[in-house]
Amino acid sequence: MLVSRWAQETLLKYARREFGLDGLSENLLEPVDPAEPVVNPQWWLLDRLLNRARTQRARRSGRQALADCKARHATPHHIAVGTRRRRSATKS
């Protein structure tokens, strides 16, 4: 038990010396640059939701356009050709 305490004390001593561990616990304030842009978290959330909705709408309209295109151009001949297996692929 004394060995583990000795190891902890040694580690803390090293951290104080190398990393300024004591300075981390102080409440130091840094001045904020007024020219730095700050994003409003509510605006960021709403913008994210809006982009997600736009993406979903674009995907849905793309699927609908593809379905419409297939419906316009699909004839019994196209359906039969598309589902028929090639003879060269079935032969061994």
PDB file of N, CA and C in Angstrom:
ATOM      1  N   MET A   1       0.820  -1.183   0.000  1.00  0.00           N
ATOM      2  CA  MET A   1       0.000   0.000   0.000  1.00  0.00           C
ATOM      3  C   MET A   1       0.872   1.257   0.000  1.00  0.00           C
ATOM      4  N   LEU A   2       1.946   1.231   0.701  1.00  0.00           N
ATOM      5  CA  LEU A   2       2.827   2.394   0.723  1.00  0.00           C
ATOM      6  C   LEU A   2       3.490   2.615  -0.627  1.00  0.00           C
ATOM      7  N   VAL A   3       3.718   1.528  -1.369  1.00  0.00           N
ATOM      8  CA  VAL A   3       4.348   1.657  -2.681  1.00  0.00           C
ATOM      9  C   VAL A   3       3.420   2.404  -3.639  1.00  0.00           C
ATOM     10  N   SER A   4       2.110   2.097  -3.618  1.00  0.00           N
ATOM     11  CA  SER A   4       1.183   2.782  -4.524  1.00  0.00           C
ATOM     12  C   SER A   4       1.063   4.262  -4.161  1.00  0.00           C
ATOM     13  N   ARG A   5       1.093   4.571  -2.863  1.00  0.00           N
ATOM     14  CA  ARG A   5       1.039   5.969  -2.464  1.00  0.00           C
ATOM     15  C   ARG A   5       2.305   6.694  -2.912  1.00  0.00           C
ATOM     16  N   TRP A   6       3.428   6.053  -2.768  1.00  0.00           N
ATOM     17  CA  TRP A   6       4.695   6.640  -3.206  1.00  0.00           C
ATOM     18  C   TRP A   6       4.658   6.903  -4.714  1.00  0.00           C
ATOM     19  N   ALA A   7       4.093   5.962  -5.483  1.00  0.00           N
ATOM     20  CA  ALA A   7       4.007   6.132  -6.933  1.00  0.00           C
ATOM     21  C   ALA A   7       3.103   7.314  -7.291  1.00  0.00           C
ATOM     22  N   GLN A   8       1.987   7.455  -6.585  1.00  0.00           N
ATOM     23  CA  GLN A   8       1.083   8.574  -6.851  1.00  0.00           C
ATOM     24  C   GLN A   8       1.739   9.905  -6.520  1.00  0.00           C
ATOM     25  N   GLU A   9       2.415   9.967  -5.390  1.00  0.00           N
ATOM     26  CA  GLU A   9       3.082  11.218  -5.015  1.00  0.00           C
ATOM     27  C   GLU A   9       4.167  11.579  -6.014  1.00  0.00           C
ATOM     28  N   THR A  10       4.886  10.595  -6.502  1.00  0.00           N
ATOM     29  CA  THR A  10       5.928  10.851  -7.488  1.00  0.00           C
ATOM     30  C   THR A  10       5.321  11.358  -8.791  1.00  0.00           C
ATOM     31  N   LEU A  11       4.210  10.756  -9.193  1.00  0.00           N
ATOM     32  CA  LEU A  11       3.548  11.192 -10.417  1.00  0.00           C
ATOM     33  C   LEU A  11       3.046  12.631 -10.289  1.00  0.00           C
ATOM     34  N   LEU A  12       2.431  12.965  -9.159  1.00  0.00           N
ATOM     35  CA  LEU A  12       1.937  14.325  -8.960  1.00  0.00           C
ATOM     36  C   LEU A  12       3.078  15.338  -8.909  1.00  0.00           C
ATOM     37  N   LYS A  13       4.168  14.956  -8.291  1.00  0.00           N
ATOM     38  CA  LYS A  13       5.330  15.840  -8.226  1.00  0.00           C
ATOM     39  C   LYS A  13       5.858  16.117  -9.644  1.00  0.00           C
ATOM     40  N   TYR A  14       5.935  15.046 -10.452  1.00  0.00           N
ATOM     41  CA  TYR A  14       6.383  15.184 -11.832  1.00  0.00           C
ATOM     42  C   TYR A  14       5.409  16.056 -12.636  1.00  0.00           C
ATOM     43  N   ALA A  15       4.093  15.843 -12.460  1.00  0.00           N
ATOM     44  CA  ALA A  15       3.090  16.606 -13.204  1.00  0.00           C
ATOM     45  C   ALA A  15       3.127  18.083 -12.820  1.00  0.00           C
ATOM     46  N   ARG A  16       3.334  18.369 -11.550  1.00  0.00           N
ATOM     47  CA  ARG A  16       3.436  19.777 -11.135  1.00  0.00           C
ATOM     48  C   ARG A  16       4.610  20.459 -11.810  1.00  0.00           C
ATOM     49  N   ARG A  17       5.721  19.744 -11.850  1.00  0.00           N
ATOM     50  CA  ARG A  17       6.933  20.341 -12.391  1.00  0.00           C
ATOM     51  C   ARG A  17       6.864  20.461 -13.922  1.00  0.00           C
ATOM     52  N   GLU A  18       6.423  19.418 -14.632  1.00  0.00           N
ATOM     53  CA  GLU A  18       6.484  19.390 -16.091  1.00  0.00           C
ATOM     54  C   GLU A  18       5.277  20.036 -16.782  1.00  0.00           C
ATOM     55  N   PHE A  19       4.096  19.903 -16.193  1.00  0.00           N
ATOM     56  CA  PHE A  19       2.885  20.353 -16.866  1.00  0.00           C
ATOM     57  C   PHE A  19       2.188  21.514 -16.175  1.00  0.00           C
ATOM     58  N   GLY A  20       2.747  22.015 -15.092  1.00  0.00           N
ATOM     59  CA  GLY A  20       2.109  23.117 -14.382  1.00  0.00           C
ATOM     60  C   GLY A  20       0.763  22.706 -13.823  1.00  0.00           C
ATOM     61  N   LEU A  21       0.721  21.552 -13.182  1.00  0.00           N
ATOM     62  CA  LEU A  21      -0.530  20.994 -12.688  1.00  0.00           C
ATOM     63  C   LEU A  21      -1.241  21.930 -11.725  1.00  0.00           C
ATOM     64  N   ASP A  22      -0.515  22.661 -10.910  1.00  0.00           N
ATOM     65  CA  ASP A  22      -1.138  23.578  -9.963  1.00  0.00           C
ATOM     66  C   ASP A  22      -1.815  24.743 -10.678  1.00  0.00           C
ATOM     67  N   GLY A  23      -1.285  25.148 -11.791  1.00  0.00           N
ATOM     68  CA  GLY A  23      -1.875  26.260 -12.539  1.00  0.00           C
ATOM     69  C   GLY A  23      -3.185  25.890 -13.210  1.00  0.00           C
ATOM     70  N   LEU A  24      -3.428  24.598 -13.433  1.00  0.00           N
ATOM     71  CA  LEU A  24      -4.659  24.174 -14.077  1.00  0.00           C
ATOM     72  C   LEU A  24      -5.870  24.353 -13.174  1.00  0.00           C
ATOM     73  N   SER A  25      -5.653  24.297 -11.869  1.00  0.00           N
ATOM     74  CA  SER A  25      -6.783  24.381 -10.956  1.00  0.00           C
ATOM     75  C   SER A  25      -7.217  25.818 -10.675  1.00  0.00           C
ATOM     76  N   GLU A  26      -6.439  26.777 -11.103  1.00  0.00           N
ATOM     77  CA  GLU A  26      -6.799  28.170 -10.886  1.00  0.00           C
ATOM     78  C   GLU A  26      -7.826  28.613 -11.915  1.00  0.00           C
ATOM     79  N   ASN A  27      -8.673  29.516 -11.521  1.00  0.00           N
ATOM     80  CA  ASN A  27      -9.688  30.038 -12.433  1.00  0.00           C
ATOM     81  C   ASN A  27      -9.141  31.261 -13.153  1.00  0.00           C
ATOM     82  N   LEU A  28      -8.429  31.010 -14.216  1.00  0.00           N
ATOM     83  CA  LEU A  28      -7.872  32.105 -15.004  1.00  0.00           C
ATOM     84  C   LEU A  28      -8.792  32.382 -16.189  1.00  0.00           C
ATOM     85  N   LEU A  29      -9.077  33.624 -16.436  1.00  0.00           N
ATOM     86  CA  LEU A  29      -9.918  34.014 -17.553  1.00  0.00           C
ATOM     87  C   LEU A  29      -9.051  34.602 -18.652  1.00  0.00           C
ATOM     88  N   GLU A  30      -9.383  34.244 -19.874  1.00  0.00           N
ATOM     89  CA  GLU A  30      -8.669  34.788 -21.013  1.00  0.00           C
ATOM     90  C   GLU A  30      -9.574  35.797 -21.720  1.00  0.00           C
ATOM     91  N   PRO A  31      -9.014  36.872 -22.201  1.00  0.00           N
ATOM     92  CA  PRO A  31      -9.848  37.835 -22.933  1.00  0.00           C
ATOM     93  C   PRO A  31     -10.325  37.226 -24.255  1.00  0.00           C
ATOM     94  N   VAL A  32     -11.549  37.550 -24.639  1.00  0.00           N
ATOM     95  CA  VAL A  32     -12.128  37.040 -25.869  1.00  0.00           C
ATOM     96  C   VAL A  32     -11.940  38.065 -26.968  1.00  0.00           C
ATOM     97  N   ASP A  33     -11.522  37.594 -28.121  1.00  0.00           N
ATOM     98  CA  ASP A  33     -11.331  38.470 -29.273  1.00  0.00           C
ATOM     99  C   ASP A  33     -12.704  38.845 -29.837  1.00  0.00           C
ATOM    100  N   PRO A  34     -13.066  40.128 -29.857  1.00  0.00           N
ATOM    101  CA  PRO A  34     -14.392  40.513 -30.358  1.00  0.00           C
ATOM    102  C   PRO A  34     -14.554  40.277 -31.861  1.00  0.00           C
ATOM    103  N   ALA A  35     -13.475  40.151 -32.586  1.00  0.00           N
ATOM    104  CA  ALA A  35     -13.560  39.934 -34.031  1.00  0.00           C
ATOM    105  C   ALA A  35     -13.795  38.464 -34.377  1.00  0.00           C
ATOM    106  N   GLU A  36     -13.618  37.569 -33.418  1.00  0.00           N
ATOM    107  CA  GLU A  36     -13.793  36.140 -33.684  1.00  0.00           C
ATOM    108  C   GLU A  36     -15.276  35.802 -33.797  1.00  0.00           C
ATOM    109  N   PRO A  37     -15.665  35.144 -34.897  1.00  0.00           N
ATOM    110  CA  PRO A  37     -17.088  34.818 -35.061  1.00  0.00           C
ATOM    111  C   PRO A  37     -17.516  33.703 -34.098  1.00  0.00           C
ATOM    112  N   VAL A  38     -18.705  33.864 -33.557  1.00  0.00           N
ATOM    113  CA  VAL A  38     -19.264  32.879 -32.642  1.00  0.00           C
ATOM    114  C   VAL A  38     -20.592  32.418 -33.217  1.00  0.00           C
ATOM    115  N   VAL A  39     -20.756  31.094 -33.314  1.00  0.00           N
ATOM    116  CA  VAL A  39     -21.979  30.538 -33.886  1.00  0.00           C
ATOM    117  C   VAL A  39     -22.988  30.307 -32.769  1.00  0.00           C
ATOM    118  N   ASN A  40     -24.204  30.782 -32.999  1.00  0.00           N
ATOM    119  CA  ASN A  40     -25.280  30.563 -32.052  1.00  0.00           C
ATOM    120  C   ASN A  40     -25.658  29.083 -32.095  1.00  0.00           C
ATOM    121  N   PRO A  41     -25.655  28.381 -30.967  1.00  0.00           N
ATOM    122  CA  PRO A  41     -25.959  26.942 -30.975  1.00  0.00           C
ATOM    123  C   PRO A  41     -27.356  26.629 -31.504  1.00  0.00           C
ATOM    124  N   GLN A  42     -28.327  27.479 -31.239  1.00  0.00           N
ATOM    125  CA  GLN A  42     -29.677  27.232 -31.752  1.00  0.00           C
ATOM    126  C   GLN A  42     -29.717  27.376 -33.265  1.00  0.00           C
ATOM    127  N   TRP A  43     -29.006  28.359 -33.807  1.00  0.00           N
ATOM    128  CA  TRP A  43     -28.951  28.530 -35.255  1.00  0.00           C
ATOM    129  C   TRP A  43     -28.268  27.321 -35.879  1.00  0.00           C
ATOM    130  N   TRP A  44     -27.184  26.854 -35.248  1.00  0.00           N
ATOM    131  CA  TRP A  44     -26.450  25.710 -35.763  1.00  0.00           C
ATOM    132  C   TRP A  44     -27.354  24.481 -35.821  1.00  0.00           C
ATOM    133  N   LEU A  45     -28.142  24.244 -34.766  1.00  0.00           N
ATOM    134  CA  LEU A  45     -29.048  23.105 -34.724  1.00  0.00           C
ATOM    135  C   LEU A  45     -30.124  23.216 -35.795  1.00  0.00           C
ATOM    136  N   LEU A  46     -30.740  24.387 -35.935  1.00  0.00           N
ATOM    137  CA  LEU A  46     -31.776  24.579 -36.948  1.00  0.00           C
ATOM    138  C   LEU A  46     -31.212  24.447 -38.362  1.00  0.00           C
ATOM    139  N   ASP A  47     -30.007  24.942 -38.582  1.00  0.00           N
ATOM    140  CA  ASP A  47     -29.375  24.822 -39.892  1.00  0.00           C
ATOM    141  C   ASP A  47     -29.114  23.358 -40.222  1.00  0.00           C
ATOM    142  N   ARG A  48     -28.687  22.597 -39.234  1.00  0.00           N
ATOM    143  CA  ARG A  48     -28.442  21.168 -39.426  1.00  0.00           C
ATOM    144  C   ARG A  48     -29.742  20.429 -39.772  1.00  0.00           C
ATOM    145  N   LEU A  49     -30.818  20.741 -39.048  1.00  0.00           N
ATOM    146  CA  LEU A  49     -32.107  20.115 -39.331  1.00  0.00           C
ATOM    147  C   LEU A  49     -32.625  20.486 -40.720  1.00  0.00           C
ATOM    148  N   LEU A  50     -32.436  21.742 -41.112  1.00  0.00           N
ATOM    149  CA  LEU A  50     -32.862  22.191 -42.431  1.00  0.00           C
ATOM    150  C   LEU A  50     -32.084  21.468 -43.530  1.00  0.00           C
ATOM    151  N   ASN A  51     -30.784  21.326 -43.363  1.00  0.00           N
ATOM    152  CA  ASN A  51     -29.977  20.615 -44.352  1.00  0.00           C
ATOM    153  C   ASN A  51     -30.386  19.148 -44.451  1.00  0.00           C
ATOM    154  N   ARG A  52     -30.702  18.538 -43.316  1.00  0.00           N
ATOM    155  CA  ARG A  52     -31.146  17.142 -43.322  1.00  0.00           C
ATOM    156  C   ARG A  52     -32.473  17.011 -44.083  1.00  0.00           C
ATOM    157  N   ALA A  53     -33.395  17.943 -43.847  1.00  0.00           N
ATOM    158  CA  ALA A  53     -34.686  17.901 -44.545  1.00  0.00           C
ATOM    159  C   ALA A  53     -34.504  18.114 -46.046  1.00  0.00           C
ATOM    160  N   ARG A  54     -33.622  19.015 -46.430  1.00  0.00           N
ATOM    161  CA  ARG A  54     -33.363  19.245 -47.852  1.00  0.00           C
ATOM    162  C   ARG A  54     -32.776  18.001 -48.514  1.00  0.00           C
ATOM    163  N   THR A  55     -31.872  17.326 -47.804  1.00  0.00           N
ATOM    164  CA  THR A  55     -31.272  16.112 -48.352  1.00  0.00           C
ATOM    165  C   THR A  55     -32.312  15.021 -48.528  1.00  0.00           C
ATOM    166  N   GLN A  56     -33.171  14.850 -47.537  1.00  0.00           N
ATOM    167  CA  GLN A  56     -34.219  13.833 -47.643  1.00  0.00           C
ATOM    168  C   GLN A  56     -35.175  14.146 -48.784  1.00  0.00           C
ATOM    169  N   ARG A  57     -35.525  15.417 -48.947  1.00  0.00           N
ATOM    170  CA  ARG A  57     -36.416  15.808 -50.039  1.00  0.00           C
ATOM    171  C   ARG A  57     -35.765  15.524 -51.390  1.00  0.00           C
ATOM    172  N   ALA A  58     -34.470  15.811 -51.507  1.00  0.00           N
ATOM    173  CA  ALA A  58     -33.770  15.564 -52.765  1.00  0.00           C
ATOM    174  C   ALA A  58     -33.707  14.068 -53.061  1.00  0.00           C
ATOM    175  N   ARG A  59     -33.481  13.267 -52.051  1.00  0.00           N
ATOM    176  CA  ARG A  59     -33.452  11.818 -52.264  1.00  0.00           C
ATOM    177  C   ARG A  59     -34.820  11.306 -52.697  1.00  0.00           C
ATOM    178  N   ARG A  60     -35.870  11.788 -52.015  1.00  0.00           N
ATOM    179  CA  ARG A  60     -37.216  11.352 -52.382  1.00  0.00           C
ATOM    180  C   ARG A  60     -37.559  11.762 -53.807  1.00  0.00           C
ATOM    181  N   SER A  61     -37.231  12.990 -54.189  1.00  0.00           N
ATOM    182  CA  SER A  61     -37.552  13.436 -55.545  1.00  0.00           C
ATOM    183  C   SER A  61     -36.717  12.669 -56.567  1.00  0.00           C
ATOM    184  N   GLY A  62     -35.491  12.300 -56.213  1.00  0.00           N
ATOM    185  CA  GLY A  62     -34.664  11.488 -57.105  1.00  0.00           C
ATOM    186  C   GLY A  62     -35.244  10.107 -57.308  1.00  0.00           C
ATOM    187  N   ARG A  63     -35.709   9.491 -56.215  1.00  0.00           N
ATOM    188  CA  ARG A  63     -36.348   8.178 -56.329  1.00  0.00           C
ATOM    189  C   ARG A  63     -37.628   8.261 -57.161  1.00  0.00           C
ATOM    190  N   GLN A  64     -38.390   9.320 -56.932  1.00  0.00           N
ATOM    191  CA  GLN A  64     -39.637   9.494 -57.679  1.00  0.00           C
ATOM    192  C   GLN A  64     -39.345   9.692 -59.162  1.00  0.00           C
ATOM    193  N   ALA A  65     -38.316  10.474 -59.477  1.00  0.00           N
ATOM    194  CA  ALA A  65     -37.961  10.701 -60.876  1.00  0.00           C
ATOM    195  C   ALA A  65     -37.513   9.395 -61.531  1.00  0.00           C
ATOM    196  N   LEU A  66     -36.751   8.584 -60.806  1.00  0.00           N
ATOM    197  CA  LEU A  66     -36.314   7.300 -61.341  1.00  0.00           C
ATOM    198  C   LEU A  66     -37.505   6.381 -61.577  1.00  0.00           C
ATOM    199  N   ALA A  67     -38.444   6.348 -60.634  1.00  0.00           N
ATOM    200  CA  ALA A  67     -39.639   5.513 -60.795  1.00  0.00           C
ATOM    201  C   ALA A  67     -40.471   5.991 -61.981  1.00  0.00           C
ATOM    202  N   ASP A  68     -40.620   7.300 -62.142  1.00  0.00           N
ATOM    203  CA  ASP A  68     -41.371   7.841 -63.277  1.00  0.00           C
ATOM    204  C   ASP A  68     -40.696   7.492 -64.599  1.00  0.00           C
ATOM    205  N   CYS A  69     -39.378   7.593 -64.621  1.00  0.00           N
ATOM    206  CA  CYS A  69     -38.627   7.284 -65.831  1.00  0.00           C
ATOM    207  C   CYS A  69     -38.790   5.813 -66.201  1.00  0.00           C
ATOM    208  N   LYS A  70     -38.711   4.947 -65.205  1.00  0.00           N
ATOM    209  CA  LYS A  70     -38.883   3.518 -65.461  1.00  0.00           C
ATOM    210  C   LYS A  70     -40.305   3.220 -65.928  1.00  0.00           C
ATOM    211  N   ALA A  71     -41.272   3.903 -65.330  1.00  0.00           N
ATOM    212  CA  ALA A  71     -42.666   3.667 -65.713  1.00  0.00           C
ATOM    213  C   ALA A  71     -42.928   4.130 -67.138  1.00  0.00           C
ATOM    214  N   ARG A  72     -42.320   5.224 -67.551  1.00  0.00           N
ATOM    215  CA  ARG A  72     -42.531   5.732 -68.906  1.00  0.00           C
ATOM    216  C   ARG A  72     -41.864   4.866 -69.961  1.00  0.00           C
ATOM    217  N   HIS A  73     -40.678   4.374 -69.646  1.00  0.00           N
ATOM    218  CA  HIS A  73     -39.888   3.659 -70.650  1.00  0.00           C
ATOM    219  C   HIS A  73     -39.997   2.151 -70.543  1.00  0.00           C
ATOM    220  N   ALA A  74     -40.626   1.640 -69.527  1.00  0.00           N
ATOM    221  CA  ALA A  74     -40.730   0.195 -69.378  1.00  0.00           C
ATOM    222  C   ALA A  74     -41.881  -0.326 -70.225  1.00  0.00           C
ATOM    223  N   THR A  75     -41.563  -1.199 -71.118  1.00  0.00           N
ATOM    224  CA  THR A  75     -42.568  -1.887 -71.927  1.00  0.00           C
ATOM    225  C   THR A  75     -42.419  -3.370 -71.646  1.00  0.00           C
ATOM    226  N   PRO A  76     -43.353  -4.179 -72.033  1.00  0.00           N
ATOM    227  CA  PRO A  76     -43.191  -5.624 -71.800  1.00  0.00           C
ATOM    228  C   PRO A  76     -41.888  -6.155 -72.393  1.00  0.00           C
ATOM    229  N   HIS A  77     -41.462  -5.587 -73.537  1.00  0.00           N
ATOM    230  CA  HIS A  77     -40.202  -6.037 -74.138  1.00  0.00           C
ATOM    231  C   HIS A  77     -39.007  -5.711 -73.232  1.00  0.00           C
ATOM    232  N   HIS A  78     -38.967  -4.482 -72.683  1.00  0.00           N
ATOM    233  CA  HIS A  78     -37.863  -4.092 -71.801  1.00  0.00           C
ATOM    234  C   HIS A  78     -37.844  -4.938 -70.535  1.00  0.00           C
ATOM    235  N   ILE A  79     -39.008  -5.231 -69.992  1.00  0.00           N
ATOM    236  CA  ILE A  79     -39.077  -6.027 -68.772  1.00  0.00           C
ATOM    237  C   ILE A  79     -38.572  -7.438 -69.043  1.00  0.00           C
ATOM    238  N   ALA A  80     -38.972  -8.030 -70.173  1.00  0.00           N
ATOM    239  CA  ALA A  80     -38.538  -9.380 -70.508  1.00  0.00           C
ATOM    240  C   ALA A  80     -37.034  -9.425 -70.748  1.00  0.00           C
ATOM    241  N   VAL A  81     -36.494  -8.434 -71.424  1.00  0.00           N
ATOM    242  CA  VAL A  81     -35.055  -8.402 -71.689  1.00  0.00           C
ATOM    243  C   VAL A  81     -34.280  -8.202 -70.393  1.00  0.00           C
ATOM    244  N   GLY A  82     -34.776  -7.362 -69.515  1.00  0.00           N
ATOM    245  CA  GLY A  82     -34.061  -7.087 -68.275  1.00  0.00           C
ATOM    246  C   GLY A  82     -34.041  -8.249 -67.307  1.00  0.00           C
ATOM    247  N   THR A  83     -35.045  -9.117 -67.347  1.00  0.00           N
ATOM    248  CA  THR A  83     -35.110 -10.216 -66.389  1.00  0.00           C
ATOM    249  C   THR A  83     -34.616 -11.532 -66.968  1.00  0.00           C
ATOM    250  N   ARG A  84     -34.418 -11.588 -68.268  1.00  0.00           N
ATOM    251  CA  ARG A  84     -33.969 -12.825 -68.893  1.00  0.00           C
ATOM    252  C   ARG A  84     -32.476 -13.056 -68.617  1.00  0.00           C
ATOM    253  N   ARG A  85     -32.136 -14.289 -68.316  1.00  0.00           N
ATOM    254  CA  ARG A  85     -30.715 -14.594 -68.082  1.00  0.00           C
ATOM    255  C   ARG A  85     -30.019 -14.771 -69.425  1.00  0.00           C
ATOM    256  N   ARG A  86     -28.774 -14.409 -69.395  1.00  0.00           N
ATOM    257  CA  ARG A  86     -27.976 -14.572 -70.611  1.00  0.00           C
ATOM    258  C   ARG A  86     -27.599 -16.049 -70.747  1.00  0.00           C
ATOM    259  N   ARG A  87     -27.662 -16.560 -71.941  1.00  0.00           N
ATOM    260  CA  ARG A  87     -27.348 -17.975 -72.151  1.00  0.00           C
ATOM    261  C   ARG A  87     -25.885 -18.268 -71.873  1.00  0.00           C
ATOM    262  N   SER A  88     -25.001 -17.329 -72.170  1.00  0.00           N
ATOM    263  CA  SER A  88     -23.570 -17.581 -71.960  1.00  0.00           C
ATOM    264  C   SER A  88     -23.248 -17.663 -70.473  1.00  0.00           C
ATOM    265  N   ALA A  89     -23.989 -16.994 -69.642  1.00  0.00           N
ATOM    266  CA  ALA A  89     -23.724 -17.035 -68.207  1.00  0.00           C
ATOM    267  C   ALA A  89     -24.223 -18.333 -67.581  1.00  0.00           C
ATOM    268  N   THR A  90     -25.257 -18.969 -68.168  1.00  0.00           N
ATOM    269  CA  THR A  90     -25.796 -20.194 -67.594  1.00  0.00           C
ATOM    270  C   THR A  90     -25.058 -21.430 -68.073  1.00  0.00           C
ATOM    271  N   LYS A  91     -24.370 -21.346 -69.200  1.00  0.00           N
ATOM    272  CA  LYS A  91     -23.611 -22.500 -69.708  1.00  0.00           C
ATOM    273  C   LYS A  91     -22.312 -22.653 -68.936  1.00  0.00           C
ATOM    274  N   SER A  92     -21.904 -23.891 -68.718  1.00  0.00           N
ATOM    275  CA  SER A  92     -20.638 -24.145 -68.015  1.00  0.00           C
ATOM    276  C   SER A  92     -19.546 -24.514 -68.964  1.00  0.00           C
TER     277      SER A  92
END
